[in-house]
């Protein structure tokens, strides 16, 4: 299967209502915000959701979360060695061949790239194999500063003892964003796609999961329906290099976005002559 021949830019606009989209473990798991109070969701968190949705659609994923494993492997090294063989990461291994097989085996490797580094120190026999993927994704930020509400949670159950006394004590804190509309942007680079074998079919698979990015992702911090994609914008250029820079493409939407996530779709379609975007509604 040939790699993509056209540069692609994309954007996702999504809403958060009474949910913690991405907690910061260094700040008591409060929703991430920047110094101006704008809500933030990291690219790592967004890629996790992309991987989960792709796995649900039947694509093989290398970086699987512990609660969504499909192969029972206990580590990335075990998964890599089971598929590629234990000799694939030795000092005598053919790095290019190992990288090629890894890209063929796992969707997220040929999309986002991966560093295979399974050595145990300077004297280990292993080698490091970096793979640079064609799909890049920015962190998401809210269009306006967000309000974070913190709630103390308690339990009313016997955690210890003989059960004759019911304890009511503090368990911790829960934090949420009351409401926010976030936007994020990304690109798919054909030059890098040539090296990993990322194809038009792969790009289509990513496009298909974007409208459902937060489906089947419920938790105590993110109840069902508390996060939803509003719009996906998909720009497909007419060449590998693209008619416009990604910065200019993304700015064409950013300059039109209103605080509620709406924008003038007709104005967006004519903002960049020769590059009309596809606008997709959320699920």
C-alpha atoms as a PDB file:
ATOM      1  CA  UNK A   1       0.000   0.000   0.000  1.00  0.00           C
ATOM      2  CA  UNK A   2       1.457   3.356  -1.040  1.00  0.00           C
ATOM      3  CA  UNK A   3       1.913   6.194   1.435  1.00  0.00           C
ATOM      4  CA  UNK A   4      -0.193   9.337   1.284  1.00  0.00           C
ATOM      5  CA  UNK A   5       0.709  11.808  -1.461  1.00  0.00           C
ATOM      6  CA  UNK A   6      -1.138  14.868  -0.154  1.00  0.00           C
ATOM      7  CA  UNK A   7      -0.454  16.895   2.960  1.00  0.00           C
ATOM      8  CA  UNK A   8      -3.372  16.949   5.408  1.00  0.00           C
ATOM      9  CA  UNK A   9      -4.189  19.462   8.132  1.00  0.00           C
ATOM     10  CA  UNK A  10      -6.979  18.999  10.645  1.00  0.00           C
ATOM     11  CA  UNK A  11      -8.650  20.624  13.635  1.00  0.00           C
ATOM     12  CA  UNK A  12     -10.992  19.403  16.374  1.00  0.00           C
ATOM     13  CA  UNK A  13     -13.351  21.599  18.390  1.00  0.00           C
ATOM     14  CA  UNK A  14     -14.871  19.967  21.465  1.00  0.00           C
ATOM     15  CA  UNK A  15     -16.874  20.891  24.560  1.00  0.00           C
ATOM     16  CA  UNK A  16     -16.349  19.946  28.197  1.00  0.00           C
ATOM     17  CA  UNK A  17     -19.220  20.152  30.696  1.00  0.00           C
ATOM     18  CA  UNK A  18     -18.684  19.297  34.356  1.00  0.00           C
ATOM     19  CA  UNK A  19     -15.745  17.005  33.654  1.00  0.00           C
ATOM     20  CA  UNK A  20     -12.012  16.785  34.174  1.00  0.00           C
ATOM     21  CA  UNK A  21     -10.664  16.392  30.650  1.00  0.00           C
ATOM     22  CA  UNK A  22      -7.019  15.914  31.659  1.00  0.00           C
ATOM     23  CA  UNK A  23      -5.918  15.953  35.286  1.00  0.00           C
ATOM     24  CA  UNK A  24      -2.454  17.117  36.323  1.00  0.00           C
ATOM     25  CA  UNK A  25      -0.900  14.569  38.737  1.00  0.00           C
ATOM     26  CA  UNK A  26       1.563  17.213  39.955  1.00  0.00           C
ATOM     27  CA  UNK A  27      -1.307  19.491  40.989  1.00  0.00           C
ATOM     28  CA  UNK A  28      -3.663  17.171  42.861  1.00  0.00           C
ATOM     29  CA  UNK A  29      -5.176  15.941  39.570  1.00  0.00           C
ATOM     30  CA  UNK A  30      -6.827  19.303  38.977  1.00  0.00           C
ATOM     31  CA  UNK A  31      -7.758  20.001  35.343  1.00  0.00           C
ATOM     32  CA  UNK A  32      -4.760  21.394  33.509  1.00  0.00           C
ATOM     33  CA  UNK A  33      -4.727  25.139  32.942  1.00  0.00           C
ATOM     34  CA  UNK A  34      -2.092  27.582  31.743  1.00  0.00           C
ATOM     35  CA  UNK A  35      -0.999  30.696  33.619  1.00  0.00           C
ATOM     36  CA  UNK A  36      -3.803  32.736  32.055  1.00  0.00           C
ATOM     37  CA  UNK A  37      -6.477  30.286  33.233  1.00  0.00           C
ATOM     38  CA  UNK A  38      -7.160  28.703  29.851  1.00  0.00           C
ATOM     39  CA  UNK A  39      -7.942  24.989  30.046  1.00  0.00           C
ATOM     40  CA  UNK A  40      -5.401  22.615  28.556  1.00  0.00           C
ATOM     41  CA  UNK A  41      -5.507  19.012  27.369  1.00  0.00           C
ATOM     42  CA  UNK A  42      -2.152  17.544  26.360  1.00  0.00           C
ATOM     43  CA  UNK A  43      -1.404  15.927  23.028  1.00  0.00           C
ATOM     44  CA  UNK A  44      -0.469  12.747  24.927  1.00  0.00           C
ATOM     45  CA  UNK A  45      -3.971  12.553  26.413  1.00  0.00           C
ATOM     46  CA  UNK A  46      -5.584  13.145  23.012  1.00  0.00           C
ATOM     47  CA  UNK A  47      -3.401  10.487  21.374  1.00  0.00           C
ATOM     48  CA  UNK A  48      -4.433   8.025  24.085  1.00  0.00           C
ATOM     49  CA  UNK A  49      -8.059   8.498  23.089  1.00  0.00           C
ATOM     50  CA  UNK A  50      -7.170   8.197  19.406  1.00  0.00           C
ATOM     51  CA  UNK A  51      -5.379   4.918  20.099  1.00  0.00           C
ATOM     52  CA  UNK A  52      -8.346   3.574  22.071  1.00  0.00           C
ATOM     53  CA  UNK A  53     -10.860   4.468  19.360  1.00  0.00           C
ATOM     54  CA  UNK A  54      -8.621   2.986  16.647  1.00  0.00           C
ATOM     55  CA  UNK A  55      -8.250  -0.219  18.665  1.00  0.00           C
ATOM     56  CA  UNK A  56     -12.034  -0.436  18.990  1.00  0.00           C
ATOM     57  CA  UNK A  57     -12.206  -0.237  15.200  1.00  0.00           C
ATOM     58  CA  UNK A  58      -9.923  -3.245  14.889  1.00  0.00           C
ATOM     59  CA  UNK A  59      -6.537  -1.613  14.330  1.00  0.00           C
ATOM     60  CA  UNK A  60      -3.461  -3.092  16.005  1.00  0.00           C
ATOM     61  CA  UNK A  61      -2.051  -0.699  18.624  1.00  0.00           C
ATOM     62  CA  UNK A  62       1.398  -0.951  20.201  1.00  0.00           C
ATOM     63  CA  UNK A  63       0.991   1.477  23.139  1.00  0.00           C
ATOM     64  CA  UNK A  64      -2.070  -0.049  24.782  1.00  0.00           C
ATOM     65  CA  UNK A  65      -3.382   1.194  28.109  1.00  0.00           C
ATOM     66  CA  UNK A  66      -3.423  -1.370  30.921  1.00  0.00           C
ATOM     67  CA  UNK A  67      -7.223  -1.432  31.143  1.00  0.00           C
ATOM     68  CA  UNK A  68      -7.703  -1.904  27.380  1.00  0.00           C
ATOM     69  CA  UNK A  69      -5.155  -4.583  26.500  1.00  0.00           C
ATOM     70  CA  UNK A  70      -6.112  -6.872  23.661  1.00  0.00           C
ATOM     71  CA  UNK A  71      -3.178  -9.290  23.855  1.00  0.00           C
ATOM     72  CA  UNK A  72      -2.498  -9.735  27.561  1.00  0.00           C
ATOM     73  CA  UNK A  73       1.128  -8.620  27.319  1.00  0.00           C
ATOM     74  CA  UNK A  74       2.474  -7.105  30.530  1.00  0.00           C
ATOM     75  CA  UNK A  75       4.927  -4.662  28.933  1.00  0.00           C
ATOM     76  CA  UNK A  76       5.794  -2.924  25.688  1.00  0.00           C
ATOM     77  CA  UNK A  77       8.969  -4.979  25.455  1.00  0.00           C
ATOM     78  CA  UNK A  78       7.052  -8.251  25.682  1.00  0.00           C
ATOM     79  CA  UNK A  79       4.650  -7.058  23.010  1.00  0.00           C
ATOM     80  CA  UNK A  80       7.456  -5.970  20.706  1.00  0.00           C
ATOM     81  CA  UNK A  81       9.460  -9.163  21.132  1.00  0.00           C
ATOM     82  CA  UNK A  82       6.424 -11.393  20.684  1.00  0.00           C
ATOM     83  CA  UNK A  83       5.637  -9.835  17.309  1.00  0.00           C
ATOM     84  CA  UNK A  84       9.102  -8.915  16.032  1.00  0.00           C
ATOM     85  CA  UNK A  85      11.245 -11.499  17.787  1.00  0.00           C
ATOM     86  CA  UNK A  86      13.799 -11.106  20.573  1.00  0.00           C
ATOM     87  CA  UNK A  87      16.667 -10.678  18.124  1.00  0.00           C
ATOM     88  CA  UNK A  88      15.008  -7.632  16.527  1.00  0.00           C
ATOM     89  CA  UNK A  89      16.492  -5.358  19.198  1.00  0.00           C
ATOM     90  CA  UNK A  90      19.946  -6.889  19.590  1.00  0.00           C
ATOM     91  CA  UNK A  91      23.161  -5.127  18.635  1.00  0.00           C
ATOM     92  CA  UNK A  92      23.387  -7.155  15.444  1.00  0.00           C
ATOM     93  CA  UNK A  93      19.815  -6.394  14.402  1.00  0.00           C
ATOM     94  CA  UNK A  94      18.992  -4.562  11.189  1.00  0.00           C
ATOM     95  CA  UNK A  95      17.463  -1.350  12.516  1.00  0.00           C
ATOM     96  CA  UNK A  96      15.725  -0.406   9.277  1.00  0.00           C
ATOM     97  CA  UNK A  97      14.177  -3.853   8.980  1.00  0.00           C
ATOM     98  CA  UNK A  98      12.961  -3.804  12.567  1.00  0.00           C
ATOM     99  CA  UNK A  99      11.473  -0.328  12.054  1.00  0.00           C
ATOM    100  CA  UNK A 100       9.758  -1.436   8.848  1.00  0.00           C
ATOM    101  CA  UNK A 101       8.190  -4.475  10.517  1.00  0.00           C
ATOM    102  CA  UNK A 102       7.066  -2.415  13.503  1.00  0.00           C
ATOM    103  CA  UNK A 103       5.336   0.088  11.224  1.00  0.00           C
ATOM    104  CA  UNK A 104       3.603  -2.744   9.391  1.00  0.00           C
ATOM    105  CA  UNK A 105       2.489  -4.370  12.643  1.00  0.00           C
ATOM    106  CA  UNK A 106       1.057  -1.409  14.573  1.00  0.00           C
ATOM    107  CA  UNK A 107      -1.058   1.515  13.430  1.00  0.00           C
ATOM    108  CA  UNK A 108       0.118   3.938  16.119  1.00  0.00           C
ATOM    109  CA  UNK A 109       3.790   3.274  15.335  1.00  0.00           C
ATOM    110  CA  UNK A 110       3.449   4.233  11.680  1.00  0.00           C
ATOM    111  CA  UNK A 111       1.195   7.169  12.612  1.00  0.00           C
ATOM    112  CA  UNK A 112       2.837   8.760  15.662  1.00  0.00           C
ATOM    113  CA  UNK A 113       6.230   7.089  15.636  1.00  0.00           C
ATOM    114  CA  UNK A 114       7.880   5.274  18.533  1.00  0.00           C
ATOM    115  CA  UNK A 115      11.221   4.871  20.260  1.00  0.00           C
ATOM    116  CA  UNK A 116      12.123   1.223  20.862  1.00  0.00           C
ATOM    117  CA  UNK A 117      14.719   1.387  23.636  1.00  0.00           C
ATOM    118  CA  UNK A 118      14.735  -1.752  25.736  1.00  0.00           C
ATOM    119  CA  UNK A 119      18.337  -1.730  26.988  1.00  0.00           C
ATOM    120  CA  UNK A 120      19.089  -1.902  30.729  1.00  0.00           C
ATOM    121  CA  UNK A 121      22.069   0.402  30.872  1.00  0.00           C
ATOM    122  CA  UNK A 122      25.240   1.345  29.065  1.00  0.00           C
ATOM    123  CA  UNK A 123      26.456  -2.254  28.947  1.00  0.00           C
ATOM    124  CA  UNK A 124      23.190  -3.762  27.759  1.00  0.00           C
ATOM    125  CA  UNK A 125      23.057  -5.645  24.505  1.00  0.00           C
ATOM    126  CA  UNK A 126      19.997  -3.784  23.280  1.00  0.00           C
ATOM    127  CA  UNK A 127      19.844  -0.889  20.816  1.00  0.00           C
ATOM    128  CA  UNK A 128      17.607   2.148  20.463  1.00  0.00           C
ATOM    129  CA  UNK A 129      15.453   2.386  17.337  1.00  0.00           C
ATOM    130  CA  UNK A 130      13.660   5.734  16.871  1.00  0.00           C
ATOM    131  CA  UNK A 131      10.787   6.027  14.412  1.00  0.00           C
ATOM    132  CA  UNK A 132       9.410   9.448  13.502  1.00  0.00           C
ATOM    133  CA  UNK A 133       5.736   9.391  12.568  1.00  0.00           C
ATOM    134  CA  UNK A 134       3.886  11.653  10.107  1.00  0.00           C
ATOM    135  CA  UNK A 135       0.929  12.521  12.362  1.00  0.00           C
ATOM    136  CA  UNK A 136       1.538  15.470  14.681  1.00  0.00           C
ATOM    137  CA  UNK A 137      -0.987  16.801  17.167  1.00  0.00           C
ATOM    138  CA  UNK A 138      -0.982  19.910  19.341  1.00  0.00           C
ATOM    139  CA  UNK A 139      -2.248  20.233  22.884  1.00  0.00           C
ATOM    140  CA  UNK A 140      -5.813  21.529  23.087  1.00  0.00           C
ATOM    141  CA  UNK A 141      -6.648  24.827  24.781  1.00  0.00           C
ATOM    142  CA  UNK A 142      -9.970  26.370  25.741  1.00  0.00           C
ATOM    143  CA  UNK A 143     -11.216  29.383  23.839  1.00  0.00           C
ATOM    144  CA  UNK A 144     -11.834  31.257  27.097  1.00  0.00           C
ATOM    145  CA  UNK A 145     -10.489  30.894  30.647  1.00  0.00           C
ATOM    146  CA  UNK A 146     -12.227  28.054  32.493  1.00  0.00           C
ATOM    147  CA  UNK A 147     -13.667  27.805  35.991  1.00  0.00           C
ATOM    148  CA  UNK A 148     -12.425  24.830  37.990  1.00  0.00           C
ATOM    149  CA  UNK A 149     -14.706  23.582  40.775  1.00  0.00           C
ATOM    150  CA  UNK A 150     -13.329  21.369  43.547  1.00  0.00           C
ATOM    151  CA  UNK A 151     -15.543  19.077  45.617  1.00  0.00           C
ATOM    152  CA  UNK A 152     -14.618  17.165  48.741  1.00  0.00           C
ATOM    153  CA  UNK A 153     -15.726  13.549  48.537  1.00  0.00           C
ATOM    154  CA  UNK A 154     -16.396  11.240  51.479  1.00  0.00           C
ATOM    155  CA  UNK A 155     -17.254   7.616  52.060  1.00  0.00           C
ATOM    156  CA  UNK A 156     -19.941   6.178  54.282  1.00  0.00           C
ATOM    157  CA  UNK A 157     -18.864   2.601  54.698  1.00  0.00           C
ATOM    158  CA  UNK A 158     -16.799   0.452  57.011  1.00  0.00           C
ATOM    159  CA  UNK A 159     -13.315   0.287  55.608  1.00  0.00           C
ATOM    160  CA  UNK A 160     -11.955  -1.630  58.591  1.00  0.00           C
ATOM    161  CA  UNK A 161     -13.104  -3.380  61.755  1.00  0.00           C
ATOM    162  CA  UNK A 162     -15.977  -5.789  62.289  1.00  0.00           C
ATOM    163  CA  UNK A 163     -18.550  -3.718  60.417  1.00  0.00           C
ATOM    164  CA  UNK A 164     -20.493  -2.730  63.498  1.00  0.00           C
ATOM    165  CA  UNK A 165     -19.645   0.929  63.071  1.00  0.00           C
ATOM    166  CA  UNK A 166     -20.116   2.873  59.873  1.00  0.00           C
ATOM    167  CA  UNK A 167     -17.359   5.384  59.217  1.00  0.00           C
ATOM    168  CA  UNK A 168     -17.817   8.656  57.391  1.00  0.00           C
ATOM    169  CA  UNK A 169     -14.527  10.233  56.483  1.00  0.00           C
ATOM    170  CA  UNK A 170     -12.860  12.233  53.750  1.00  0.00           C
ATOM    171  CA  UNK A 171     -11.518  10.295  50.793  1.00  0.00           C
ATOM    172  CA  UNK A 172     -10.133  13.198  48.811  1.00  0.00           C
ATOM    173  CA  UNK A 173     -11.074  15.833  46.280  1.00  0.00           C
ATOM    174  CA  UNK A 174     -12.677  15.793  42.854  1.00  0.00           C
ATOM    175  CA  UNK A 175     -12.100  18.606  40.400  1.00  0.00           C
ATOM    176  CA  UNK A 176     -13.960  19.560  37.258  1.00  0.00           C
ATOM    177  CA  UNK A 177     -14.202  22.168  34.551  1.00  0.00           C
ATOM    178  CA  UNK A 178     -17.715  23.595  34.735  1.00  0.00           C
ATOM    179  CA  UNK A 179     -17.765  24.414  31.015  1.00  0.00           C
ATOM    180  CA  UNK A 180     -15.214  24.968  28.312  1.00  0.00           C
ATOM    181  CA  UNK A 181     -14.845  24.782  24.539  1.00  0.00           C
ATOM    182  CA  UNK A 182     -11.431  23.541  23.449  1.00  0.00           C
ATOM    183  CA  UNK A 183      -9.668  23.474  20.084  1.00  0.00           C
ATOM    184  CA  UNK A 184      -6.677  21.525  18.832  1.00  0.00           C
ATOM    185  CA  UNK A 185      -4.835  21.210  15.525  1.00  0.00           C
ATOM    186  CA  UNK A 186      -2.639  18.725  13.746  1.00  0.00           C
ATOM    187  CA  UNK A 187      -1.092  17.674  10.451  1.00  0.00           C
ATOM    188  CA  UNK A 188      -0.093  14.605   8.459  1.00  0.00           C
ATOM    189  CA  UNK A 189       3.238  14.914   6.660  1.00  0.00           C
ATOM    190  CA  UNK A 190       3.604  12.902   3.400  1.00  0.00           C
ATOM    191  CA  UNK A 191       7.414  12.966   3.496  1.00  0.00           C
ATOM    192  CA  UNK A 192       7.462  11.246   6.879  1.00  0.00           C
ATOM    193  CA  UNK A 193       4.621   8.965   5.765  1.00  0.00           C
ATOM    194  CA  UNK A 194       6.905   7.549   3.088  1.00  0.00           C
ATOM    195  CA  UNK A 195       9.246   6.266   5.772  1.00  0.00           C
ATOM    196  CA  UNK A 196       6.557   4.554   7.881  1.00  0.00           C
ATOM    197  CA  UNK A 197       4.157   3.471   5.142  1.00  0.00           C
ATOM    198  CA  UNK A 198       1.279   5.595   6.458  1.00  0.00           C
ATOM    199  CA  UNK A 199      -1.384   5.379   3.733  1.00  0.00           C
ATOM    200  CA  UNK A 200      -4.551   7.145   2.616  1.00  0.00           C
ATOM    201  CA  UNK A 201      -6.508   4.334   4.275  1.00  0.00           C
ATOM    202  CA  UNK A 202      -4.722   5.102   7.546  1.00  0.00           C
ATOM    203  CA  UNK A 203      -5.559   8.793   7.211  1.00  0.00           C
ATOM    204  CA  UNK A 204      -9.186   7.886   6.580  1.00  0.00           C
ATOM    205  CA  UNK A 205      -9.189   5.715   9.708  1.00  0.00           C
ATOM    206  CA  UNK A 206      -8.037   8.688  11.798  1.00  0.00           C
ATOM    207  CA  UNK A 207     -10.624  10.953  10.189  1.00  0.00           C
ATOM    208  CA  UNK A 208     -13.352   8.447  11.085  1.00  0.00           C
ATOM    209  CA  UNK A 209     -12.479   8.277  14.797  1.00  0.00           C
ATOM    210  CA  UNK A 210     -12.268  12.035  15.357  1.00  0.00           C
ATOM    211  CA  UNK A 211     -16.055  12.670  15.603  1.00  0.00           C
ATOM    212  CA  UNK A 212     -16.306   9.888  18.233  1.00  0.00           C
ATOM    213  CA  UNK A 213     -13.106  10.743  20.087  1.00  0.00           C
ATOM    214  CA  UNK A 214     -14.696  10.789  23.556  1.00  0.00           C
ATOM    215  CA  UNK A 215     -17.184   7.953  23.102  1.00  0.00           C
ATOM    216  CA  UNK A 216     -16.629   4.842  25.238  1.00  0.00           C
ATOM    217  CA  UNK A 217     -14.229   6.861  27.394  1.00  0.00           C
ATOM    218  CA  UNK A 218     -16.370   7.402  30.478  1.00  0.00           C
ATOM    219  CA  UNK A 219     -14.909   7.528  33.978  1.00  0.00           C
ATOM    220  CA  UNK A 220     -15.720   9.127  37.310  1.00  0.00           C
ATOM    221  CA  UNK A 221     -13.843  12.212  36.145  1.00  0.00           C
ATOM    222  CA  UNK A 222     -15.476  12.200  32.695  1.00  0.00           C
ATOM    223  CA  UNK A 223     -19.062  10.871  32.872  1.00  0.00           C
ATOM    224  CA  UNK A 224     -20.737   9.799  29.649  1.00  0.00           C
ATOM    225  CA  UNK A 225     -21.831  12.818  27.644  1.00  0.00           C
ATOM    226  CA  UNK A 226     -19.673  15.313  29.543  1.00  0.00           C
ATOM    227  CA  UNK A 227     -17.199  15.618  26.660  1.00  0.00           C
ATOM    228  CA  UNK A 228     -18.267  15.806  23.041  1.00  0.00           C
ATOM    229  CA  UNK A 229     -16.762  16.728  19.695  1.00  0.00           C
ATOM    230  CA  UNK A 230     -18.527  19.690  18.099  1.00  0.00           C
ATOM    231  CA  UNK A 231     -16.715  19.945  14.751  1.00  0.00           C
ATOM    232  CA  UNK A 232     -13.858  18.328  12.886  1.00  0.00           C
ATOM    233  CA  UNK A 233     -12.231  20.293  10.061  1.00  0.00           C
ATOM    234  CA  UNK A 234     -10.184  18.355   7.512  1.00  0.00           C
ATOM    235  CA  UNK A 235      -8.004  20.089   4.912  1.00  0.00           C
ATOM    236  CA  UNK A 236      -6.518  17.946   2.140  1.00  0.00           C
ATOM    237  CA  UNK A 237      -3.877  19.785   0.110  1.00  0.00           C
ATOM    238  CA  UNK A 238      -3.195  19.196  -3.570  1.00  0.00           C
ATOM    239  CA  UNK A 239       0.472  18.317  -3.127  1.00  0.00           C
ATOM    240  CA  UNK A 240       2.966  16.802  -0.723  1.00  0.00           C
ATOM    241  CA  UNK A 241       4.302  20.180   0.364  1.00  0.00           C
ATOM    242  CA  UNK A 242       0.846  21.734   0.648  1.00  0.00           C
ATOM    243  CA  UNK A 243      -0.506  24.949  -0.817  1.00  0.00           C
ATOM    244  CA  UNK A 244      -0.216  26.763   2.524  1.00  0.00           C
ATOM    245  CA  UNK A 245       1.746  26.362   5.731  1.00  0.00           C
ATOM    246  CA  UNK A 246       0.045  24.499   8.562  1.00  0.00           C
ATOM    247  CA  UNK A 247       0.233  27.663  10.664  1.00  0.00           C
ATOM    248  CA  UNK A 248      -1.777  29.590   8.072  1.00  0.00           C
ATOM    249  CA  UNK A 249      -4.287  26.767   7.628  1.00  0.00           C
ATOM    250  CA  UNK A 250      -4.909  26.435  11.344  1.00  0.00           C
ATOM    251  CA  UNK A 251      -5.149  30.211  11.765  1.00  0.00           C
ATOM    252  CA  UNK A 252      -7.923  30.343   9.143  1.00  0.00           C
ATOM    253  CA  UNK A 253     -10.141  28.494  11.622  1.00  0.00           C
ATOM    254  CA  UNK A 254      -8.745  29.980  14.817  1.00  0.00           C
ATOM    255  CA  UNK A 255      -9.536  33.507  13.616  1.00  0.00           C
ATOM    256  CA  UNK A 256     -13.182  32.592  13.014  1.00  0.00           C
ATOM    257  CA  UNK A 257     -13.918  30.620  16.189  1.00  0.00           C
ATOM    258  CA  UNK A 258     -16.464  32.090  18.586  1.00  0.00           C
ATOM    259  CA  UNK A 259     -16.463  31.415  22.325  1.00  0.00           C
ATOM    260  CA  UNK A 260     -19.188  28.751  21.948  1.00  0.00           C
ATOM    261  CA  UNK A 261     -17.202  26.859  19.310  1.00  0.00           C
ATOM    262  CA  UNK A 262     -19.254  28.009  16.332  1.00  0.00           C
ATOM    263  CA  UNK A 263     -17.773  29.641  13.244  1.00  0.00           C
ATOM    264  CA  UNK A 264     -18.840  30.921   9.854  1.00  0.00           C
ATOM    265  CA  UNK A 265     -18.481  27.778   7.748  1.00  0.00           C
ATOM    266  CA  UNK A 266     -18.916  29.633   4.449  1.00  0.00           C
ATOM    267  CA  UNK A 267     -16.146  32.063   5.385  1.00  0.00           C
ATOM    268  CA  UNK A 268     -13.846  29.193   6.331  1.00  0.00           C
ATOM    269  CA  UNK A 269     -14.396  27.443   3.000  1.00  0.00           C
ATOM    270  CA  UNK A 270     -13.302  30.555   1.103  1.00  0.00           C
ATOM    271  CA  UNK A 271     -10.538  31.681   3.476  1.00  0.00           C
ATOM    272  CA  UNK A 272      -7.767  29.904   1.542  1.00  0.00           C
ATOM    273  CA  UNK A 273      -8.291  29.882  -2.248  1.00  0.00           C
ATOM    274  CA  UNK A 274      -7.807  26.416  -3.702  1.00  0.00           C
ATOM    275  CA  UNK A 275      -8.039  24.662  -0.324  1.00  0.00           C
ATOM    276  CA  UNK A 276     -11.628  24.015   0.735  1.00  0.00           C
ATOM    277  CA  UNK A 277     -11.968  22.114   3.996  1.00  0.00           C
ATOM    278  CA  UNK A 278     -14.352  19.290   4.814  1.00  0.00           C
ATOM    279  CA  UNK A 279     -16.395  20.160   7.905  1.00  0.00           C
ATOM    280  CA  UNK A 280     -17.657  17.188   9.896  1.00  0.00           C
ATOM    281  CA  UNK A 281     -20.162  17.301  12.746  1.00  0.00           C
ATOM    282  CA  UNK A 282     -19.400  15.528  16.001  1.00  0.00           C
ATOM    283  CA  UNK A 283     -21.096  12.259  16.833  1.00  0.00           C
END
